[in-house]
PDB file of all heavy atoms in Angstrom:
ATOM      1  N   THR A   1       0.832  -1.201   0.000  1.00  0.00           N
ATOM      2  CA  THR A   1       0.000   0.000   0.000  1.00  0.00           C
ATOM      3  C   THR A   1       0.869   1.256   0.000  1.00  0.00           C
ATOM      4  O   THR A   1       1.822   1.364   0.770  1.00  0.00           O
ATOM      5  CB  THR A   1      -0.926   0.013   1.230  1.00  0.00           C
ATOM      6  OG1 THR A   1      -1.810  -1.097   1.154  1.00  0.00           O
ATOM      7  CG2 THR A   1      -1.733   1.300   1.296  1.00  0.00           C
ATOM      8  N   THR A   2       0.506   2.205  -0.838  1.00  0.00           N
ATOM      9  CA  THR A   2       1.154   3.518  -0.805  1.00  0.00           C
ATOM     10  C   THR A   2       0.496   4.345   0.298  1.00  0.00           C
ATOM     11  O   THR A   2      -0.723   4.545   0.287  1.00  0.00           O
ATOM     12  CB  THR A   2       1.001   4.243  -2.152  1.00  0.00           C
ATOM     13  OG1 THR A   2       1.709   3.509  -3.147  1.00  0.00           O
ATOM     14  CG2 THR A   2       1.555   5.656  -2.072  1.00  0.00           C
ATOM     15  N   ILE A   3       1.311   4.776   1.266  1.00  0.00           N
ATOM     16  CA  ILE A   3       0.805   5.614   2.350  1.00  0.00           C
ATOM     17  C   ILE A   3       1.586   6.922   2.355  1.00  0.00           C
ATOM     18  O   ILE A   3       2.818   6.916   2.301  1.00  0.00           O
ATOM     19  CB  ILE A   3       0.958   4.947   3.728  1.00  0.00           C
ATOM     20  CG1 ILE A   3       0.184   3.640   3.798  1.00  0.00           C
ATOM     21  CG2 ILE A   3       0.459   5.876   4.832  1.00  0.00           C
ATOM     22  CD1 ILE A   3       0.283   2.951   5.144  1.00  0.00           C
ATOM     23  N   ASN A   4       0.871   7.999   2.404  1.00  0.00           N
ATOM     24  CA  ASN A   4       1.502   9.292   2.620  1.00  0.00           C
ATOM     25  C   ASN A   4       0.881   9.944   3.844  1.00  0.00           C
ATOM     26  O   ASN A   4      -0.309   9.767   4.134  1.00  0.00           O
ATOM     27  CB  ASN A   4       1.331  10.198   1.399  1.00  0.00           C
ATOM     28  CG  ASN A   4       2.346   9.871   0.318  1.00  0.00           C
ATOM     29  OD1 ASN A   4       3.549  10.044   0.513  1.00  0.00           O
ATOM     30  ND2 ASN A   4       1.860   9.364  -0.819  1.00  0.00           N
ATOM     31  N   TYR A   5       1.710  10.686   4.547  1.00  0.00           N
ATOM     32  CA  TYR A   5       1.237  11.381   5.751  1.00  0.00           C
ATOM     33  C   TYR A   5       1.817  12.783   5.796  1.00  0.00           C
ATOM     34  O   TYR A   5       3.025  12.977   5.593  1.00  0.00           O
ATOM     35  CB  TYR A   5       1.640  10.634   7.027  1.00  0.00           C
ATOM     36  CG  TYR A   5       1.643  11.547   8.241  1.00  0.00           C
ATOM     37  CD1 TYR A   5       0.442  11.981   8.802  1.00  0.00           C
ATOM     38  CD2 TYR A   5       2.835  12.014   8.783  1.00  0.00           C
ATOM     39  CE1 TYR A   5       0.436  12.857   9.885  1.00  0.00           C
ATOM     40  CE2 TYR A   5       2.836  12.876   9.866  1.00  0.00           C
ATOM     41  CZ  TYR A   5       1.645  13.300  10.412  1.00  0.00           C
ATOM     42  OH  TYR A   5       1.642  14.170  11.471  1.00  0.00           O
ATOM     43  N   LYS A   6       0.965  13.736   6.051  1.00  0.00           N
ATOM     44  CA  LYS A   6       1.378  15.090   6.416  1.00  0.00           C
ATOM     45  C   LYS A   6       0.374  15.609   7.438  1.00  0.00           C
ATOM     46  O   LYS A   6      -0.833  15.391   7.300  1.00  0.00           O
ATOM     47  CB  LYS A   6       1.417  16.023   5.204  1.00  0.00           C
ATOM     48  CG  LYS A   6       2.565  15.771   4.241  1.00  0.00           C
ATOM     49  CD  LYS A   6       2.622  16.839   3.165  1.00  0.00           C
ATOM     50  CE  LYS A   6       3.812  16.591   2.241  1.00  0.00           C
ATOM     51  NZ  LYS A   6       3.629  15.393   1.409  1.00  0.00           N
ATOM     52  N   SER A   7       0.880  16.301   8.436  1.00  0.00           N
ATOM     53  CA  SER A   7      -0.014  16.866   9.445  1.00  0.00           C
ATOM     54  C   SER A   7      -1.042  17.777   8.788  1.00  0.00           C
ATOM     55  O   SER A   7      -2.217  17.770   9.152  1.00  0.00           O
ATOM     56  CB  SER A   7       0.789  17.644  10.493  1.00  0.00           C
ATOM     57  OG  SER A   7      -0.073  18.254  11.424  1.00  0.00           O
ATOM     58  N   GLY A   8      -0.608  18.579   7.819  1.00  0.00           N
ATOM     59  CA  GLY A   8      -1.534  19.362   7.011  1.00  0.00           C
ATOM     60  C   GLY A   8      -2.029  20.646   7.638  1.00  0.00           C
ATOM     61  O   GLY A   8      -2.190  21.658   6.965  1.00  0.00           O
ATOM     62  N   VAL A   9      -2.278  20.612   8.942  1.00  0.00           N
ATOM     63  CA  VAL A   9      -2.859  21.765   9.613  1.00  0.00           C
ATOM     64  C   VAL A   9      -2.383  21.782  11.059  1.00  0.00           C
ATOM     65  O   VAL A   9      -2.141  20.731  11.671  1.00  0.00           O
ATOM     66  CB  VAL A   9      -4.406  21.704   9.532  1.00  0.00           C
ATOM     67  CG1 VAL A   9      -4.948  20.501  10.282  1.00  0.00           C
ATOM     68  CG2 VAL A   9      -5.051  22.982  10.033  1.00  0.00           C
ATOM     69  N   LEU A  10      -2.209  22.969  11.613  1.00  0.00           N
ATOM     70  CA  LEU A  10      -1.841  23.103  13.021  1.00  0.00           C
ATOM     71  C   LEU A  10      -3.040  22.758  13.903  1.00  0.00           C
ATOM     72  O   LEU A  10      -4.193  22.858  13.463  1.00  0.00           O
ATOM     73  CB  LEU A  10      -1.359  24.525  13.307  1.00  0.00           C
ATOM     74  CG  LEU A  10      -0.051  24.933  12.615  1.00  0.00           C
ATOM     75  CD1 LEU A  10       0.221  26.426  12.807  1.00  0.00           C
ATOM     76  CD2 LEU A  10       1.110  24.112  13.153  1.00  0.00           C
ATOM     77  N   PRO A  11      -2.793  22.390  15.144  1.00  0.00           N
ATOM     78  CA  PRO A  11      -3.923  21.947  15.977  1.00  0.00           C
ATOM     79  C   PRO A  11      -4.986  23.012  16.224  1.00  0.00           C
ATOM     80  O   PRO A  11      -6.179  22.739  16.080  1.00  0.00           O
ATOM     81  CB  PRO A  11      -3.260  21.523  17.286  1.00  0.00           C
ATOM     82  CG  PRO A  11      -1.834  21.254  16.945  1.00  0.00           C
ATOM     83  CD  PRO A  11      -1.498  22.175  15.819  1.00  0.00           C
ATOM     84  N   TYR A  12      -4.582  24.225  16.582  1.00  0.00           N
ATOM     85  CA  TYR A  12      -5.554  25.197  17.076  1.00  0.00           C
ATOM     86  C   TYR A  12      -5.460  26.576  16.428  1.00  0.00           C
ATOM     87  O   TYR A  12      -6.083  27.514  16.901  1.00  0.00           O
ATOM     88  CB  TYR A  12      -5.411  25.347  18.602  1.00  0.00           C
ATOM     89  CG  TYR A  12      -5.399  24.036  19.335  1.00  0.00           C
ATOM     90  CD1 TYR A  12      -4.341  23.689  20.170  1.00  0.00           C
ATOM     91  CD2 TYR A  12      -6.439  23.133  19.186  1.00  0.00           C
ATOM     92  CE1 TYR A  12      -4.325  22.470  20.843  1.00  0.00           C
ATOM     93  CE2 TYR A  12      -6.431  21.911  19.849  1.00  0.00           C
ATOM     94  CZ  TYR A  12      -5.371  21.590  20.673  1.00  0.00           C
ATOM     95  OH  TYR A  12      -5.354  20.386  21.330  1.00  0.00           O
ATOM     96  N   GLN A  13      -4.678  26.704  15.362  1.00  0.00           N
ATOM     97  CA  GLN A  13      -4.561  28.001  14.715  1.00  0.00           C
ATOM     98  C   GLN A  13      -4.284  27.809  13.237  1.00  0.00           C
ATOM     99  O   GLN A  13      -3.905  26.725  12.794  1.00  0.00           O
ATOM    100  CB  GLN A  13      -3.424  28.812  15.340  1.00  0.00           C
ATOM    101  CG  GLN A  13      -2.044  28.205  15.102  1.00  0.00           C
ATOM    102  CD  GLN A  13      -0.952  28.940  15.838  1.00  0.00           C
ATOM    103  OE1 GLN A  13      -0.848  28.849  17.063  1.00  0.00           O
ATOM    104  NE2 GLN A  13      -0.141  29.676  15.093  1.00  0.00           N
ATOM    105  N   LYS A  14      -4.514  28.878  12.449  1.00  0.00           N
ATOM    106  CA  LYS A  14      -4.245  28.814  11.025  1.00  0.00           C
ATOM    107  C   LYS A  14      -2.775  28.546  10.777  1.00  0.00           C
ATOM    108  O   LYS A  14      -1.909  28.963  11.548  1.00  0.00           O
ATOM    109  CB  LYS A  14      -4.649  30.128  10.359  1.00  0.00           C
ATOM    110  CG  LYS A  14      -6.149  30.357  10.271  1.00  0.00           C
ATOM    111  CD  LYS A  14      -6.452  31.645   9.522  1.00  0.00           C
ATOM    112  CE  LYS A  14      -7.952  31.869   9.393  1.00  0.00           C
ATOM    113  NZ  LYS A  14      -8.239  33.129   8.658  1.00  0.00           N
ATOM    114  N   ASN A  15      -2.499  27.856   9.691  1.00  0.00           N
ATOM    115  CA  ASN A  15      -1.108  27.613   9.328  1.00  0.00           C
ATOM    116  C   ASN A  15      -0.393  28.930   9.075  1.00  0.00           C
ATOM    117  O   ASN A  15      -0.926  29.827   8.411  1.00  0.00           O
ATOM    118  CB  ASN A  15      -1.032  26.750   8.065  1.00  0.00           C
ATOM    119  CG  ASN A  15      -1.503  25.330   8.298  1.00  0.00           C
ATOM    120  OD1 ASN A  15      -1.854  24.955   9.415  1.00  0.00           O
ATOM    121  ND2 ASN A  15      -1.523  24.536   7.249  1.00  0.00           N
ATOM    122  N   VAL A  16       0.813  29.039   9.587  1.00  0.00           N
ATOM    123  CA  VAL A  16       1.618  30.236   9.351  1.00  0.00           C
ATOM    124  C   VAL A  16       2.099  30.259   7.902  1.00  0.00           C
ATOM    125  O   VAL A  16       2.070  31.286   7.229  1.00  0.00           O
ATOM    126  CB  VAL A  16       2.810  30.279  10.331  1.00  0.00           C
ATOM    127  CG1 VAL A  16       3.680  31.508  10.053  1.00  0.00           C
ATOM    128  CG2 VAL A  16       2.313  30.277  11.776  1.00  0.00           C
ATOM    129  N   ASN A  17       2.515  29.103   7.413  1.00  0.00           N
ATOM    130  CA  ASN A  17       2.943  28.954   6.024  1.00  0.00           C
ATOM    131  C   ASN A  17       1.716  28.665   5.161  1.00  0.00           C
ATOM    132  O   ASN A  17       1.035  27.656   5.352  1.00  0.00           O
ATOM    133  CB  ASN A  17       3.945  27.804   5.925  1.00  0.00           C
ATOM    134  CG  ASN A  17       4.528  27.626   4.540  1.00  0.00           C
ATOM    135  OD1 ASN A  17       3.970  28.104   3.559  1.00  0.00           O
ATOM    136  ND2 ASN A  17       5.644  26.921   4.459  1.00  0.00           N
ATOM    137  N   PRO A  18       1.402  29.509   4.189  1.00  0.00           N
ATOM    138  CA  PRO A  18       0.173  29.330   3.399  1.00  0.00           C
ATOM    139  C   PRO A  18       0.260  28.252   2.336  1.00  0.00           C
ATOM    140  O   PRO A  18      -0.758  27.894   1.737  1.00  0.00           O
ATOM    141  CB  PRO A  18      -0.011  30.702   2.755  1.00  0.00           C
ATOM    142  CG  PRO A  18       1.378  31.220   2.588  1.00  0.00           C
ATOM    143  CD  PRO A  18       2.139  30.734   3.807  1.00  0.00           C
ATOM    144  N   ILE A  19       1.438  27.698   2.081  1.00  0.00           N
ATOM    145  CA  ILE A  19       1.579  26.695   1.028  1.00  0.00           C
ATOM    146  C   ILE A  19       0.884  25.394   1.450  1.00  0.00           C
ATOM    147  O   ILE A  19       1.131  24.864   2.532  1.00  0.00           O
ATOM    148  CB  ILE A  19       3.066  26.426   0.723  1.00  0.00           C
ATOM    149  CG1 ILE A  19       3.755  27.719   0.246  1.00  0.00           C
ATOM    150  CG2 ILE A  19       3.205  25.332  -0.330  1.00  0.00           C
ATOM    151  CD1 ILE A  19       5.256  27.570   0.088  1.00  0.00           C
ATOM    152  N   ASP A  20       0.042  24.881   0.582  1.00  0.00           N
ATOM    153  CA  ASP A  20      -0.745  23.685   0.893  1.00  0.00           C
ATOM    154  C   ASP A  20      -0.297  22.523   0.019  1.00  0.00           C
ATOM    155  O   ASP A  20      -0.608  22.462  -1.177  1.00  0.00           O
ATOM    156  CB  ASP A  20      -2.228  23.975   0.667  1.00  0.00           C
ATOM    157  CG  ASP A  20      -3.107  22.755   0.892  1.00  0.00           C
ATOM    158  OD1 ASP A  20      -2.597  21.736   1.389  1.00  0.00           O
ATOM    159  OD2 ASP A  20      -4.303  22.817   0.560  1.00  0.00           O
ATOM    160  N   TRP A  21       0.432  21.586   0.612  1.00  0.00           N
ATOM    161  CA  TRP A  21       0.871  20.383  -0.093  1.00  0.00           C
ATOM    162  C   TRP A  21       0.052  19.157   0.329  1.00  0.00           C
ATOM    163  O   TRP A  21       0.449  18.025   0.079  1.00  0.00           O
ATOM    164  CB  TRP A  21       2.360  20.116   0.192  1.00  0.00           C
ATOM    165  CG  TRP A  21       3.290  20.991  -0.590  1.00  0.00           C
ATOM    166  CD1 TRP A  21       2.956  21.979  -1.461  1.00  0.00           C
ATOM    167  CD2 TRP A  21       4.722  20.934  -0.565  1.00  0.00           C
ATOM    168  NE1 TRP A  21       4.083  22.553  -1.987  1.00  0.00           N
ATOM    169  CE2 TRP A  21       5.184  21.933  -1.456  1.00  0.00           C
ATOM    170  CE3 TRP A  21       5.655  20.152   0.125  1.00  0.00           C
ATOM    171  CZ2 TRP A  21       6.533  22.164  -1.677  1.00  0.00           C
ATOM    172  CZ3 TRP A  21       7.000  20.375  -0.095  1.00  0.00           C
ATOM    173  CH2 TRP A  21       7.443  21.369  -0.995  1.00  0.00           C
ATOM    174  N   THR A  22      -1.059  19.393   0.997  1.00  0.00           N
ATOM    175  CA  THR A  22      -1.774  18.276   1.612  1.00  0.00           C
ATOM    176  C   THR A  22      -3.146  18.003   1.017  1.00  0.00           C
ATOM    177  O   THR A  22      -3.453  16.865   0.645  1.00  0.00           O
ATOM    178  CB  THR A  22      -1.923  18.504   3.131  1.00  0.00           C
ATOM    179  OG1 THR A  22      -0.638  18.655   3.706  1.00  0.00           O
ATOM    180  CG2 THR A  22      -2.645  17.348   3.792  1.00  0.00           C
ATOM    181  N   THR A  23      -3.995  19.022   0.950  1.00  0.00           N
ATOM    182  CA  THR A  23      -5.407  18.751   0.663  1.00  0.00           C
ATOM    183  C   THR A  23      -5.631  18.127  -0.704  1.00  0.00           C
ATOM    184  O   THR A  23      -6.506  17.271  -0.876  1.00  0.00           O
ATOM    185  CB  THR A  23      -6.252  20.030   0.806  1.00  0.00           C
ATOM    186  OG1 THR A  23      -5.693  21.065  -0.019  1.00  0.00           O
ATOM    187  CG2 THR A  23      -6.276  20.499   2.251  1.00  0.00           C
ATOM    188  N   GLY A  24      -4.820  18.534  -1.703  1.00  0.00           N
ATOM    189  CA  GLY A  24      -4.970  17.941  -3.032  1.00  0.00           C
ATOM    190  C   GLY A  24      -4.618  16.471  -3.039  1.00  0.00           C
ATOM    191  O   GLY A  24      -5.341  15.644  -3.619  1.00  0.00           O
ATOM    192  N   GLU A  25      -3.485  16.136  -2.399  1.00  0.00           N
ATOM    193  CA  GLU A  25      -3.076  14.724  -2.324  1.00  0.00           C
ATOM    194  C   GLU A  25      -4.093  13.906  -1.549  1.00  0.00           C
ATOM    195  O   GLU A  25      -4.423  12.763  -1.914  1.00  0.00           O
ATOM    196  CB  GLU A  25      -1.706  14.625  -1.651  1.00  0.00           C
ATOM    197  CG  GLU A  25      -0.532  15.091  -2.482  1.00  0.00           C
ATOM    198  CD  GLU A  25       0.773  14.813  -1.762  1.00  0.00           C
ATOM    199  OE1 GLU A  25       1.120  13.631  -1.584  1.00  0.00           O
ATOM    200  OE2 GLU A  25       1.434  15.772  -1.368  1.00  0.00           O
ATOM    201  N   ALA A  26      -4.575  14.478  -0.435  1.00  0.00           N
ATOM    202  CA  ALA A  26      -5.541  13.772   0.400  1.00  0.00           C
ATOM    203  C   ALA A  26      -6.801  13.454  -0.384  1.00  0.00           C
ATOM    204  O   ALA A  26      -7.375  12.368  -0.272  1.00  0.00           O
ATOM    205  CB  ALA A  26      -5.868  14.599   1.639  1.00  0.00           C
ATOM    206  N   ALA A  27      -7.251  14.405  -1.186  1.00  0.00           N
ATOM    207  CA  ALA A  27      -8.500  14.236  -1.926  1.00  0.00           C
ATOM    208  C   ALA A  27      -8.368  13.259  -3.079  1.00  0.00           C
ATOM    209  O   ALA A  27      -9.369  12.689  -3.536  1.00  0.00           O
ATOM    210  CB  ALA A  27      -8.975  15.594  -2.437  1.00  0.00           C
ATOM    211  N   SER A  28      -7.147  13.027  -3.562  1.00  0.00           N
ATOM    212  CA  SER A  28      -6.969  12.154  -4.732  1.00  0.00           C
ATOM    213  C   SER A  28      -6.621  10.717  -4.370  1.00  0.00           C
ATOM    214  O   SER A  28      -6.629   9.841  -5.230  1.00  0.00           O
ATOM    215  CB  SER A  28      -5.872  12.728  -5.634  1.00  0.00           C
ATOM    216  OG  SER A  28      -4.622  12.745  -4.959  1.00  0.00           O
ATOM    217  N   ALA A  29      -6.311  10.465  -3.111  1.00  0.00           N
ATOM    218  CA  ALA A  29      -5.997   9.096  -2.689  1.00  0.00           C
ATOM    219  C   ALA A  29      -7.258   8.241  -2.706  1.00  0.00           C
ATOM    220  O   ALA A  29      -8.381   8.750  -2.750  1.00  0.00           O
ATOM    221  CB  ALA A  29      -5.390   9.116  -1.289  1.00  0.00           C
ATOM    222  N   ASP A  30      -7.081   6.921  -2.662  1.00  0.00           N
ATOM    223  CA  ASP A  30      -8.239   6.023  -2.636  1.00  0.00           C
ATOM    224  C   ASP A  30      -9.098   6.254  -1.396  1.00  0.00           C
ATOM    225  O   ASP A  30     -10.308   6.007  -1.413  1.00  0.00           O
ATOM    226  CB  ASP A  30      -7.775   4.572  -2.681  1.00  0.00           C
ATOM    227  CG  ASP A  30      -7.155   4.221  -4.027  1.00  0.00           C
ATOM    228  OD1 ASP A  30      -7.449   4.914  -5.021  1.00  0.00           O
ATOM    229  OD2 ASP A  30      -6.361   3.262  -4.085  1.00  0.00           O
ATOM    230  N   ALA A  31      -8.474   6.685  -0.321  1.00  0.00           N
ATOM    231  CA  ALA A  31      -9.191   7.078   0.891  1.00  0.00           C
ATOM    232  C   ALA A  31      -8.282   7.984   1.699  1.00  0.00           C
ATOM    233  O   ALA A  31      -7.052   7.868   1.646  1.00  0.00           O
ATOM    234  CB  ALA A  31      -9.606   5.862   1.712  1.00  0.00           C
ATOM    235  N   CYS A  32      -8.907   8.874   2.450  1.00  0.00           N
ATOM    236  CA  CYS A  32      -8.154   9.756   3.342  1.00  0.00           C
ATOM    237  C   CYS A  32      -8.678   9.583   4.764  1.00  0.00           C
ATOM    238  O   CYS A  32      -9.890   9.630   5.005  1.00  0.00           O
ATOM    239  CB  CYS A  32      -8.302  11.218   2.916  1.00  0.00           C
ATOM    240  SG  CYS A  32      -7.590  12.395   4.090  1.00  0.00           S
ATOM    241  N   ILE A  33      -7.752   9.364   5.666  1.00  0.00           N
ATOM    242  CA  ILE A  33      -8.087   9.333   7.094  1.00  0.00           C
ATOM    243  C   ILE A  33      -7.575  10.627   7.700  1.00  0.00           C
ATOM    244  O   ILE A  33      -6.360  10.853   7.767  1.00  0.00           O
ATOM    245  CB  ILE A  33      -7.460   8.116   7.793  1.00  0.00           C
ATOM    246  CG1 ILE A  33      -7.962   6.815   7.158  1.00  0.00           C
ATOM    247  CG2 ILE A  33      -7.779   8.142   9.289  1.00  0.00           C
ATOM    248  CD1 ILE A  33      -7.251   5.569   7.686  1.00  0.00           C
ATOM    249  N   ALA A  34      -8.483  11.483   8.119  1.00  0.00           N
ATOM    250  CA  ALA A  34      -8.127  12.765   8.725  1.00  0.00           C
ATOM    251  C   ALA A  34      -8.303  12.649  10.236  1.00  0.00           C
ATOM    252  O   ALA A  34      -9.427  12.463  10.721  1.00  0.00           O
ATOM    253  CB  ALA A  34      -9.000  13.885   8.171  1.00  0.00           C
ATOM    254  N   VAL A  35      -7.194  12.734  10.959  1.00  0.00           N
ATOM    255  CA  VAL A  35      -7.223  12.545  12.413  1.00  0.00           C
ATOM    256  C   VAL A  35      -7.167  13.921  13.072  1.00  0.00           C
ATOM    257  O   VAL A  35      -6.112  14.548  13.164  1.00  0.00           O
ATOM    258  CB  VAL A  35      -6.058  11.652  12.883  1.00  0.00           C
ATOM    259  CG1 VAL A  35      -6.258  11.266  14.341  1.00  0.00           C
ATOM    260  CG2 VAL A  35      -5.949  10.406  12.016  1.00  0.00           C
ATOM    261  N   MET A  36      -8.314  14.376  13.514  1.00  0.00           N
ATOM    262  CA  MET A  36      -8.482  15.725  14.046  1.00  0.00           C
ATOM    263  C   MET A  36      -8.854  15.660  15.525  1.00  0.00           C
ATOM    264  O   MET A  36      -8.867  14.599  16.133  1.00  0.00           O
ATOM    265  CB  MET A  36      -9.558  16.456  13.249  1.00  0.00           C
ATOM    266  CG  MET A  36      -9.278  16.537  11.759  1.00  0.00           C
ATOM    267  SD  MET A  36      -7.889  17.635  11.423  1.00  0.00           S
ATOM    268  CE  MET A  36      -7.758  17.440   9.648  1.00  0.00           C
ATOM    269  N   GLY A  37      -9.186  16.814  16.090  1.00  0.00           N
ATOM    270  CA  GLY A  37      -9.675  16.829  17.457  1.00  0.00           C
ATOM    271  C   GLY A  37      -8.854  17.707  18.360  1.00  0.00           C
ATOM    272  O   GLY A  37      -8.140  18.620  17.919  1.00  0.00           O
TER     273      GLY A  37
END
């Protein structure tokens, strides 16, 4: 299985760095598990 992981987002505040290398990859995978909370 191809697995990729990136935190993608800070826990409680907006990302300081605006570059997004996560959401596109997450949306194109066969499934995305987003672990939030």
